[in-house]
């Protein structure tokens, strides 16, 4: 119910903000006519495009500044500041567009008045809505009354969250403490105490915040709520504020609690795959352009194939063949065991700066990262992504501890945080895992784009090459 109120309120606010901009635009138009005697009226087409553009840009930045959030702004000052920032960005962009595109139809007076009215009218509307939902509606007759049942600490946490929650009126009217303090209800009497509360108070919803060790008969309490027609909400005992990773999903009306282990969902994976598609077009073009020259250089330098394929571990332990331009001598894998004592990495990775297995052409290919280009084949096949964690070898994974396996819980990437963080300077495997887990936990499309640009910069400077 409360989440639905958030959706309805934010939809109303988005429509109200758009209407405020329309009113501001016309007010600025007529004010400009009044102030400038020789003013040439704006072309109707340009005027309409201006209003629509500011509406969409404003809605976007209002969202970015948390003005369509489920959490109310804590103070009036923070609300005013967020509105000012959003409107300021709107009109900086509008002014820049007018200047760059050479639209002489716009006067400076119109833009200033338009910006002022937009800020003023949106502010008045937002302050009015804030006053209504925090003062009039929340304390009104129809405010939604909530009873909290459960542990004292969890109850305080939930109460604090609800106090900041956006809605058109709700209030905590009581707390049945069934925790471990002295004022707890006697064990076994929780259902009777709940029944008494529901009989004597106007309660619209019961919120259960029980711990794993709670002895409350939850089924009995829920039956009481069901019989009396009072909705109930349950905070899973598995949830902790330190590890907020539980989500709820329904499959054919069957509810599931999901344990979230990274920042990916279906929409994120779709955008990530689209980004891979764009990158593949560029990468494959580079691959075919360079292949003849690289192939000749490799063949002239040392015997063996042009492309080197190695078994690697991908998403959740899937095995695939990773492709690279060959940079080592033919018997490189056989020589690896002899060189293990010279390994420069601390942990379950092998790395050697002055590796005797690397050929002359191979060293150039590694310094320029050209050897990585064939991995776009793996991206096409869906085994890798443009950005991700580095795919480990099979023998590395055999030595992993459970916490290390998280780094292969998503598709590996051609580049990633390790590569742009100076891979030739990171000697600790645990640091590599930390960077990989940080990437998985904080993933965003913009983050991937930034890593791609950083990778180009690193490659051009030949920094971090193996």
Protein backbone atom coordinates (compact mmCIF):
# COMPACT_ATOMS: atom_id res chain seq x y z
CA UNK A 1 0.00 0.00 0.00
CA UNK A 2 2.72 2.50 0.97
CA UNK A 3 4.82 1.67 -2.10
CA UNK A 4 1.77 2.20 -4.29
CA UNK A 5 1.32 5.62 -2.67
CA UNK A 6 4.93 6.44 -3.59
CA UNK A 7 4.24 5.57 -7.23
CA UNK A 8 1.02 7.60 -7.33
CA UNK A 9 2.54 10.62 -5.57
CA UNK A 10 5.62 10.68 -7.79
CA UNK A 11 3.48 10.33 -10.93
CA UNK A 12 1.40 13.27 -9.70
CA UNK A 13 4.57 15.29 -9.00
CA UNK A 14 5.99 14.57 -12.45
CA UNK A 15 2.76 15.76 -14.10
CA UNK A 16 2.62 18.79 -11.78
CA UNK A 17 6.24 19.71 -12.62
CA UNK A 18 5.46 19.49 -16.33
CA UNK A 19 2.40 21.73 -15.92
CA UNK A 20 4.50 24.19 -13.90
CA UNK A 21 6.90 24.50 -16.83
CA UNK A 22 4.05 25.11 -19.29
CA UNK A 23 2.61 27.84 -17.05
CA UNK A 24 6.10 29.34 -16.54
CA UNK A 25 6.77 29.39 -20.28
CA UNK A 26 3.57 31.28 -21.09
CA UNK A 27 4.07 33.62 -18.14
CA UNK A 28 7.61 34.38 -19.36
CA UNK A 29 6.32 34.85 -22.93
CA UNK A 30 3.78 37.51 -21.96
CA UNK A 31 6.13 39.12 -19.44
CA UNK A 32 8.74 39.44 -22.18
CA UNK A 33 6.17 41.10 -24.45
CA UNK A 34 5.47 43.60 -21.66
CA UNK A 35 9.13 44.44 -20.99
CA UNK A 36 10.32 44.67 -24.62
CA UNK A 37 8.36 46.96 -26.91
CA UNK A 38 10.18 45.80 -30.06
CA UNK A 39 10.13 42.13 -29.12
CA UNK A 40 9.49 39.69 -31.96
CA UNK A 41 7.21 36.89 -30.70
CA UNK A 42 8.67 33.42 -30.65
CA UNK A 43 7.79 31.14 -33.52
CA UNK A 44 5.09 28.73 -32.31
CA UNK A 45 7.16 25.71 -33.36
CA UNK A 46 10.26 26.86 -31.45
CA UNK A 47 8.14 27.77 -28.44
CA UNK A 48 6.55 24.31 -28.32
CA UNK A 49 9.88 22.51 -28.77
CA UNK A 50 11.39 24.63 -25.99
CA UNK A 51 8.61 23.74 -23.55
CA UNK A 52 8.76 20.02 -24.34
CA UNK A 53 12.56 19.94 -24.12
CA UNK A 54 12.63 21.69 -20.74
CA UNK A 55 9.84 19.39 -19.46
CA UNK A 56 11.74 16.20 -20.29
CA UNK A 57 15.13 17.51 -19.16
CA UNK A 58 13.63 18.83 -15.94
CA UNK A 59 11.93 15.53 -15.13
CA UNK A 60 15.24 13.73 -15.66
CA UNK A 61 17.25 16.01 -13.40
CA UNK A 62 14.51 16.21 -10.78
CA UNK A 63 14.88 12.44 -10.58
CA UNK A 64 18.67 12.68 -10.41
CA UNK A 65 18.37 15.08 -7.47
CA UNK A 66 16.04 12.65 -5.64
CA UNK A 67 12.88 14.70 -6.09
CA UNK A 68 10.99 11.59 -7.23
CA UNK A 69 12.33 9.41 -4.45
CA UNK A 70 10.41 7.31 -1.94
CA UNK A 71 12.19 9.20 0.85
CA UNK A 72 11.01 12.70 1.70
CA UNK A 73 13.62 15.45 1.82
CA UNK A 74 14.64 15.79 5.48
CA UNK A 75 14.51 19.61 5.58
CA UNK A 76 12.92 22.44 3.66
CA UNK A 77 16.41 23.76 2.86
CA UNK A 78 17.42 20.50 1.17
CA UNK A 79 14.19 20.54 -0.89
CA UNK A 80 14.78 24.13 -2.06
CA UNK A 81 18.42 23.33 -2.89
CA UNK A 82 17.47 20.27 -4.96
CA UNK A 83 14.84 22.22 -6.93
CA UNK A 84 17.30 25.08 -7.55
CA UNK A 85 19.99 22.67 -8.81
CA UNK A 86 17.58 20.95 -11.16
CA UNK A 87 16.19 24.17 -12.65
CA UNK A 88 19.69 25.65 -12.93
CA UNK A 89 20.92 22.64 -14.94
CA UNK A 90 17.78 22.79 -17.14
CA UNK A 91 18.40 26.38 -18.17
CA UNK A 92 22.16 26.12 -18.47
CA UNK A 93 21.55 23.37 -21.04
CA UNK A 94 18.78 25.37 -22.74
CA UNK A 95 20.96 28.48 -22.94
CA UNK A 96 23.88 26.44 -24.31
CA UNK A 97 21.60 24.90 -26.97
CA UNK A 98 20.27 28.31 -27.97
CA UNK A 99 23.80 29.71 -28.27
CA UNK A 100 25.33 26.74 -30.10
CA UNK A 101 22.43 26.33 -32.56
CA UNK A 102 22.18 30.05 -33.18
CA UNK A 103 18.50 30.52 -32.34
CA UNK A 104 18.12 34.31 -32.53
CA UNK A 105 14.40 34.05 -31.72
CA UNK A 106 15.19 33.77 -28.01
CA UNK A 107 15.84 36.88 -25.94
CA UNK A 108 17.92 36.83 -22.77
CA UNK A 109 15.01 38.40 -20.91
CA UNK A 110 12.71 35.53 -21.87
CA UNK A 111 15.21 32.90 -20.69
CA UNK A 112 15.79 34.65 -17.35
CA UNK A 113 12.08 35.13 -16.68
CA UNK A 114 11.30 31.56 -17.79
CA UNK A 115 13.94 30.18 -15.38
CA UNK A 116 12.74 32.38 -12.50
CA UNK A 117 9.07 31.46 -12.94
CA UNK A 118 9.92 27.77 -13.32
CA UNK A 119 11.84 27.73 -10.04
CA UNK A 120 9.23 29.81 -8.21
CA UNK A 121 6.15 27.91 -9.36
CA UNK A 122 7.68 24.43 -8.86
CA UNK A 123 8.88 25.52 -5.41
CA UNK A 124 5.39 26.72 -4.42
CA UNK A 125 3.81 23.47 -5.62
CA UNK A 126 6.42 21.27 -3.92
CA UNK A 127 6.22 23.17 -0.61
CA UNK A 128 2.43 22.90 -0.71
CA UNK A 129 2.56 19.15 -1.36
CA UNK A 130 5.17 18.72 1.36
CA UNK A 131 3.05 20.63 3.88
CA UNK A 132 0.00 18.55 2.99
CA UNK A 133 1.63 15.12 3.25
CA UNK A 134 3.73 15.88 6.36
CA UNK A 135 1.24 17.96 8.35
CA UNK A 136 -2.35 17.81 7.22
CA UNK A 137 -2.64 14.31 5.72
CA UNK A 138 -0.30 12.46 8.10
CA UNK A 139 -2.11 13.74 11.18
CA UNK A 140 -5.57 13.56 9.62
CA UNK A 141 -8.51 11.29 10.26
CA UNK A 142 -7.71 8.98 7.33
CA UNK A 143 -3.98 8.61 8.09
CA UNK A 144 -2.90 4.97 7.87
CA UNK A 145 -2.28 3.68 11.43
CA UNK A 146 0.46 1.06 11.75
CA UNK A 147 1.21 -1.27 14.67
CA UNK A 148 4.75 -2.68 14.91
CA UNK A 149 5.19 -6.15 16.46
CA UNK A 150 8.63 -7.53 17.22
CA UNK A 151 12.13 -6.86 18.43
CA UNK A 152 12.84 -3.43 19.90
CA UNK A 153 15.94 -2.65 17.80
CA UNK A 154 14.41 -3.76 14.51
CA UNK A 155 11.22 -1.93 15.46
CA UNK A 156 13.11 1.33 15.96
CA UNK A 157 14.90 0.86 12.62
CA UNK A 158 11.63 0.33 10.75
CA UNK A 159 9.91 3.18 12.59
CA UNK A 160 12.72 5.54 11.62
CA UNK A 161 12.42 4.46 7.96
CA UNK A 162 8.66 4.96 7.95
CA UNK A 163 9.01 8.45 9.39
CA UNK A 164 11.00 9.45 6.28
CA UNK A 165 8.82 7.47 3.85
CA UNK A 166 6.87 9.39 1.23
CA UNK A 167 3.11 8.80 1.45
CA UNK A 168 -0.08 10.80 1.83
CA UNK A 169 -0.46 9.87 5.48
CA UNK A 170 0.74 7.12 7.82
CA UNK A 171 1.73 6.97 11.47
CA UNK A 172 3.11 4.42 13.95
CA UNK A 173 0.50 4.08 16.71
CA UNK A 174 2.09 1.37 18.82
CA UNK A 175 4.85 -1.18 19.27
CA UNK A 176 4.36 -4.62 20.82
CA UNK A 177 7.86 -5.39 22.08
CA UNK A 178 8.55 -9.13 22.01
CA UNK A 179 12.31 -8.80 22.31
CA UNK A 180 14.60 -9.46 25.25
CA UNK A 181 13.98 -6.34 27.37
CA UNK A 182 12.17 -6.16 30.73
CA UNK A 183 8.94 -4.74 29.33
CA UNK A 184 8.34 -7.63 26.94
CA UNK A 185 5.07 -9.42 26.64
CA UNK A 186 5.07 -12.75 28.43
CA UNK A 187 6.03 -15.61 26.11
CA UNK A 188 2.92 -17.20 24.61
CA UNK A 189 0.75 -14.10 25.19
CA UNK A 190 1.79 -12.27 22.01
CA UNK A 191 -1.31 -13.30 20.04
CA UNK A 192 -3.62 -12.24 22.88
CA UNK A 193 -1.83 -8.90 23.20
CA UNK A 194 -2.11 -8.36 19.44
CA UNK A 195 -5.83 -9.16 19.53
CA UNK A 196 -6.33 -6.66 22.36
CA UNK A 197 -4.51 -3.95 20.42
CA UNK A 198 -6.58 -4.55 17.29
CA UNK A 199 -9.81 -4.42 19.33
CA UNK A 200 -9.05 -1.24 21.23
CA UNK A 201 -7.18 0.86 18.66
CA UNK A 202 -7.86 2.02 15.12
CA UNK A 203 -5.13 0.03 13.32
CA UNK A 204 -4.95 -0.23 9.52
CA UNK A 205 -1.87 -2.45 9.24
CA UNK A 206 0.36 -4.67 11.37
CA UNK A 207 4.09 -4.80 10.69
CA UNK A 208 5.96 -7.86 12.02
CA UNK A 209 9.70 -7.31 12.61
CA UNK A 210 10.64 -10.60 14.30
CA UNK A 211 14.16 -11.98 14.72
CA UNK A 212 15.37 -15.49 13.90
CA UNK A 213 15.28 -16.43 17.58
CA UNK A 214 11.77 -15.10 18.18
CA UNK A 215 9.28 -17.54 19.75
CA UNK A 216 6.20 -15.68 18.54
CA UNK A 217 3.62 -17.92 16.82
CA UNK A 218 3.53 -15.93 13.60
CA UNK A 219 0.85 -18.12 12.00
CA UNK A 220 -1.50 -17.51 14.92
CA UNK A 221 -0.89 -13.75 14.75
CA UNK A 222 -1.45 -13.71 10.99
CA UNK A 223 -4.71 -15.64 11.42
CA UNK A 224 -5.93 -12.97 13.84
CA UNK A 225 -5.11 -10.27 11.30
CA UNK A 226 -6.80 -12.25 8.56
CA UNK A 227 -10.00 -12.80 10.58
CA UNK A 228 -10.21 -9.12 11.55
CA UNK A 229 -9.48 -7.86 8.05
CA UNK A 230 -6.27 -6.07 9.02
CA UNK A 231 -3.43 -6.24 6.42
CA UNK A 232 -0.05 -7.49 7.66
CA UNK A 233 3.49 -6.91 6.45
CA UNK A 234 6.48 -9.10 7.41
CA UNK A 235 10.12 -8.07 7.60
CA UNK A 236 12.06 -11.32 6.91
CA UNK A 237 14.18 -12.39 9.86
CA UNK A 238 16.98 -13.13 7.35
CA UNK A 239 17.25 -9.42 6.57
CA UNK A 240 19.90 -7.36 8.33
CA UNK A 241 20.72 -3.65 7.82
CA UNK A 242 24.38 -4.58 7.23
CA UNK A 243 23.57 -6.92 4.34
CA UNK A 244 20.57 -5.44 2.56
CA UNK A 245 20.50 -8.03 -0.23
CA UNK A 246 17.00 -9.55 -0.05
CA UNK A 247 14.39 -8.85 -2.72
CA UNK A 248 10.91 -10.26 -3.34
CA UNK A 249 9.73 -11.67 -6.65
CA UNK A 250 6.59 -13.52 -7.74
CA UNK A 251 6.55 -16.30 -10.31
CA UNK A 252 2.98 -17.28 -11.21
CA UNK A 253 1.73 -15.94 -7.85
CA UNK A 254 4.38 -17.93 -5.95
CA UNK A 255 6.40 -15.50 -3.76
CA UNK A 256 10.17 -15.92 -3.51
CA UNK A 257 12.78 -14.18 -1.38
CA UNK A 258 15.83 -13.55 -3.54
CA UNK A 259 19.36 -13.17 -2.23
CA UNK A 260 21.02 -10.45 -4.32
CA UNK A 261 24.76 -11.03 -4.71
CA UNK A 262 25.63 -8.33 -7.26
CA UNK A 263 24.18 -5.26 -8.94
CA UNK A 264 22.83 -6.99 -12.04
CA UNK A 265 19.20 -7.58 -12.97
CA UNK A 266 17.50 -8.41 -16.28
CA UNK A 267 17.44 -4.79 -17.41
CA UNK A 268 21.10 -4.26 -16.49
CA UNK A 269 22.12 -7.37 -18.41
CA UNK A 270 20.15 -6.18 -21.45
CA UNK A 271 21.96 -2.80 -21.48
CA UNK A 272 25.29 -4.54 -20.91
CA UNK A 273 24.69 -6.84 -23.88
CA UNK A 274 23.71 -3.88 -26.09
CA UNK A 275 26.96 -2.16 -25.12
CA UNK A 276 28.80 -5.38 -26.02
CA UNK A 277 27.10 -5.31 -29.43
CA UNK A 278 28.32 -1.80 -30.15
CA UNK A 279 31.82 -2.69 -28.96
CA UNK A 280 31.92 -5.85 -31.07
CA UNK A 281 31.26 -3.86 -34.27
CA UNK A 282 34.32 -1.72 -33.54
CA UNK A 283 36.44 -4.56 -32.17
CA UNK A 284 35.84 -7.01 -35.02
CA UNK A 285 36.62 -4.27 -37.57
CA UNK A 286 39.96 -3.66 -35.84
CA UNK A 287 40.60 -7.42 -35.62
CA UNK A 288 40.17 -8.03 -39.35
CA UNK A 289 42.16 -4.90 -40.23
CA UNK A 290 45.16 -5.90 -38.12
CA UNK A 291 45.04 -9.68 -38.57
CA UNK A 292 47.11 -9.95 -41.80
CA UNK A 293 49.93 -7.79 -40.44
CA UNK A 294 49.96 -9.36 -36.97
CA UNK A 295 49.80 -12.87 -38.44
CA UNK A 296 52.82 -12.25 -40.69
CA UNK A 297 54.81 -10.74 -37.80
CA UNK A 298 54.04 -13.67 -35.48
CA UNK A 299 54.90 -16.26 -38.12
CA UNK A 300 58.20 -14.58 -39.01
CA UNK A 301 59.18 -14.24 -35.35
CA UNK A 302 58.56 -17.78 -34.08
CA UNK A 303 56.99 -21.08 -35.14
CA UNK A 304 53.42 -21.85 -34.05
CA UNK A 305 49.83 -20.74 -34.65
CA UNK A 306 48.76 -17.10 -34.96
CA UNK A 307 45.91 -17.43 -32.50
CA UNK A 308 46.35 -18.97 -29.07
CA UNK A 309 43.40 -20.64 -27.38
CA UNK A 310 43.39 -21.42 -23.66
CA UNK A 311 40.75 -22.99 -21.45
CA UNK A 312 39.44 -20.45 -18.93
CA UNK A 313 36.69 -20.33 -16.34
CA UNK A 314 33.76 -18.04 -17.09
CA UNK A 315 30.44 -17.26 -15.44
CA UNK A 316 29.83 -19.54 -12.44
CA UNK A 317 32.59 -21.92 -13.51
CA UNK A 318 31.60 -22.44 -17.16
CA UNK A 319 34.63 -23.48 -19.19
CA UNK A 320 35.37 -21.76 -22.51
CA UNK A 321 38.31 -21.23 -24.84
CA UNK A 322 39.76 -17.71 -24.65
CA UNK A 323 41.41 -16.43 -27.83
CA UNK A 324 44.47 -14.19 -28.03
CA UNK A 325 47.18 -13.46 -30.54
CA UNK A 326 50.04 -15.78 -29.61
CA UNK A 327 52.72 -13.89 -27.69
CA UNK A 328 54.75 -16.83 -26.34
CA UNK A 329 56.82 -19.66 -27.68
CA UNK A 330 55.10 -22.93 -28.59
CA UNK A 331 55.93 -24.86 -25.42
CA UNK A 332 55.01 -21.97 -23.07
CA UNK A 333 52.47 -23.98 -21.04
CA UNK A 334 55.01 -26.73 -20.40
CA UNK A 335 57.54 -24.21 -19.09
CA UNK A 336 55.09 -22.63 -16.64
CA UNK A 337 55.76 -25.11 -13.82
CA UNK A 338 59.50 -24.41 -14.02
CA UNK A 339 58.87 -20.68 -13.54
CA UNK A 340 56.36 -20.85 -10.66
CA UNK A 341 58.99 -20.10 -8.02
CA UNK A 342 59.61 -16.74 -9.75
CA UNK A 343 55.92 -15.80 -9.63
CA UNK A 344 55.57 -12.09 -8.70
CA UNK A 345 51.94 -12.35 -7.62
CA UNK A 346 50.93 -13.04 -4.05
CA UNK A 347 48.13 -15.60 -4.21
CA UNK A 348 46.45 -17.69 -6.89
CA UNK A 349 47.63 -15.89 -10.01
CA UNK A 350 50.77 -16.28 -12.07
CA UNK A 351 52.62 -13.25 -13.37
CA UNK A 352 56.21 -12.65 -14.37
CA UNK A 353 57.41 -9.30 -15.74
CA UNK A 354 60.50 -10.64 -17.49
CA UNK A 355 58.86 -13.83 -18.72
CA UNK A 356 61.36 -15.72 -20.94
CA UNK A 357 58.50 -17.40 -22.82
CA UNK A 358 57.38 -14.13 -24.41
CA UNK A 359 58.61 -13.58 -27.99
CA UNK A 360 59.90 -10.28 -29.38
CA UNK A 361 56.70 -9.65 -31.35
CA UNK A 362 54.70 -10.94 -28.39
CA UNK A 363 56.17 -8.31 -26.08
CA UNK A 364 55.12 -5.56 -28.50
CA UNK A 365 51.64 -7.05 -28.82
CA UNK A 366 51.29 -7.12 -25.03
CA UNK A 367 52.59 -3.59 -24.53
CA UNK A 368 50.02 -2.29 -27.02
CA UNK A 369 47.30 -4.75 -25.86
CA UNK A 370 46.84 -5.88 -29.47
CA UNK A 371 47.09 -9.48 -28.23
CA UNK A 372 43.69 -9.04 -26.51
CA UNK A 373 41.78 -8.11 -29.70
CA UNK A 374 40.77 -11.70 -30.68
CA UNK A 375 38.72 -11.84 -27.46
CA UNK A 376 35.99 -9.98 -29.34
CA UNK A 377 35.30 -13.45 -30.79
CA UNK A 378 34.46 -14.57 -27.25
CA UNK A 379 32.17 -11.56 -26.84
CA UNK A 380 30.31 -12.50 -30.04
CA UNK A 381 29.85 -16.04 -28.73
CA UNK A 382 28.44 -14.69 -25.46
CA UNK A 383 31.26 -16.14 -23.34
CA UNK A 384 32.70 -12.75 -22.40
CA UNK A 385 31.67 -9.12 -22.14
CA UNK A 386 33.52 -5.92 -23.01
CA UNK A 387 33.87 -5.07 -19.31
CA UNK A 388 34.03 -7.53 -16.45
CA UNK A 389 36.42 -9.51 -14.33
CA UNK A 390 39.43 -11.30 -15.84
CA UNK A 391 38.78 -14.98 -16.60
CA UNK A 392 41.11 -17.19 -14.52
CA UNK A 393 42.84 -20.34 -15.73
CA UNK A 394 41.54 -23.75 -14.65
CA UNK A 395 44.46 -24.43 -12.31
CA UNK A 396 43.96 -21.08 -10.56
CA UNK A 397 40.30 -21.80 -9.78
CA UNK A 398 41.20 -25.17 -8.23
CA UNK A 399 43.06 -23.25 -5.48
CA UNK A 400 40.28 -20.71 -4.83
CA UNK A 401 38.59 -20.27 -1.48
CA UNK A 402 34.77 -19.82 -1.58
CA UNK A 403 35.06 -16.02 -1.29
CA UNK A 404 37.34 -15.95 -4.36
CA UNK A 405 34.69 -17.60 -6.54
CA UNK A 406 32.53 -14.47 -6.53
CA UNK A 407 34.85 -12.95 -9.12
CA UNK A 408 33.61 -15.53 -11.63
CA UNK A 409 29.92 -15.11 -10.75
CA UNK A 410 29.39 -12.94 -13.85
CA UNK A 411 30.67 -12.95 -17.42
CA UNK A 412 34.39 -12.12 -17.58
CA UNK A 413 35.48 -9.09 -19.58
CA UNK A 414 38.17 -8.02 -22.02
CA UNK A 415 38.85 -5.11 -19.70
CA UNK A 416 37.87 -4.22 -16.15
CA UNK A 417 38.77 -2.38 -12.96
CA UNK A 418 41.99 -4.36 -12.53
CA UNK A 419 43.25 -3.36 -15.97
CA UNK A 420 42.54 0.36 -15.55
CA UNK A 421 43.86 0.38 -11.98
CA UNK A 422 47.42 -0.43 -13.05
CA UNK A 423 47.54 -4.20 -13.39
CA UNK A 424 51.33 -4.29 -13.59
CA UNK A 425 51.54 -2.66 -10.15
CA UNK A 426 49.02 -4.88 -8.33
CA UNK A 427 50.88 -7.89 -6.93
CA UNK A 428 48.29 -9.14 -4.43
CA UNK A 429 45.62 -11.56 -5.62
CA UNK A 430 43.29 -10.50 -2.77
CA UNK A 431 43.43 -6.93 -4.11
CA UNK A 432 42.41 -8.23 -7.53
CA UNK A 433 39.45 -10.04 -5.93
CA UNK A 434 38.54 -6.87 -4.04
CA UNK A 435 38.48 -4.84 -7.28
CA UNK A 436 36.44 -7.52 -9.05
CA UNK A 437 33.87 -7.72 -6.24
CA UNK A 438 33.66 -3.94 -6.09
CA UNK A 439 32.84 -3.93 -9.80
CA UNK A 440 30.11 -6.56 -9.39
CA UNK A 441 28.53 -4.86 -6.37
CA UNK A 442 28.46 -1.36 -7.86
CA UNK A 443 27.88 -2.07 -11.56
CA UNK A 444 26.29 0.59 -13.72
CA UNK A 445 26.14 1.16 -17.46
CA UNK A 446 27.90 4.50 -17.06
CA UNK A 447 30.57 2.74 -15.00
CA UNK A 448 31.23 0.34 -17.88
CA UNK A 449 31.47 3.22 -20.34
CA UNK A 450 33.97 5.01 -18.10
CA UNK A 451 36.10 1.84 -17.81
CA UNK A 452 36.11 1.50 -21.62
CA UNK A 453 37.34 5.09 -22.06
CA UNK A 454 39.95 4.61 -19.33
CA UNK A 455 41.10 1.43 -21.08
CA UNK A 456 41.61 3.32 -24.35
CA UNK A 457 43.64 5.93 -22.43
CA UNK A 458 45.74 3.25 -20.69
CA UNK A 459 46.39 1.41 -23.98
CA UNK A 460 47.45 4.59 -25.79
CA UNK A 461 49.88 5.37 -22.98
CA UNK A 462 51.04 1.74 -22.81
CA UNK A 463 50.40 1.76 -19.07
CA UNK A 464 49.67 -1.39 -17.15
CA UNK A 465 50.70 -3.76 -19.92
CA UNK A 466 51.88 -7.25 -18.97
